[in-house]
Amino acid sequence: MIKLRGTALGNNGISSTTANVPIVCPAGAVEGDYAIATIVSSATAQTVTTVPSGWTLLSPFPVSASTILLMYVYGKRIASGDPGTTMTWVLTGTTRPVGLMDVWSGVDSTYATINDSQGTTGGSSLIAPALTASTPYAMIYNIWCGRNATGGPPNLTVPGTHTATGQSQTGFGGAAINSGVRGGYILTPGLNGTYGPYTASESVTSTHLAGSVALRPTNSTMLLF
């Protein structure tokens, strides 16, 4: 069965612009675990140009909302030297990016993840799209992010069906742009079924994005989307 091993935040609480998103791989991670890292860019057309070694961008990410908010989701099998190591993503220019890394044990070694995604603008409801699974105890991992151009960072609340992982938010004051990202997961109980969509809420009306990732447990037979 898949279990959350650890969570780490990137740029949580920063109050100065930067091109870098450093994230320290959780010290409790173990070689062979599977990690998912989400990088959120909150400025127009600011894209990720440098990715730490071993990380793979999961298709169809990145997903964007009017180019002012982009969500990149990466996956990586944890190596022996990774726990406790700082891994840094670099953007094309200085902005107000945030990052989130969640590490999972028990993820299938040959078929790790596949996803769908959705981008929206306006409103305070963030919808992570549905996924259809045909294996017992698959893990549905959803990621929500937002960009607020008129004040504090968007505070994201996962659905009541989910267990939250972590939330990273910038800390600019006044009328500055702020961004935030949050993860949450739910374990599928049955062999077959469509799970979701799942709607998170936001403390402000803003531009936002959501993505869904499915993890297949070790020794499961098949997961279809």
Foldseek 3Di string as FASTA:
>chain_A
DKDWQAKWKWQFAAADWFQKTKTAAALRDDQQWKKKKKKKFQAAQKAWDDFFPFKDWAPPDFDDDVRRITITMIMGGDHHPRHRDITMIGIPDIGAMMMMMIIMPQFAPPDFKHKDKDWDWWDFKEWAAKFKWQWAFKKKKKKKKFKAQAAFEKDKAWDPQWDWHDKGKYNHGGRHMIMMMTMTMHTHHDRTDMDDRTMMGIPDIGTMIMMIMITDGYPIDDTDD
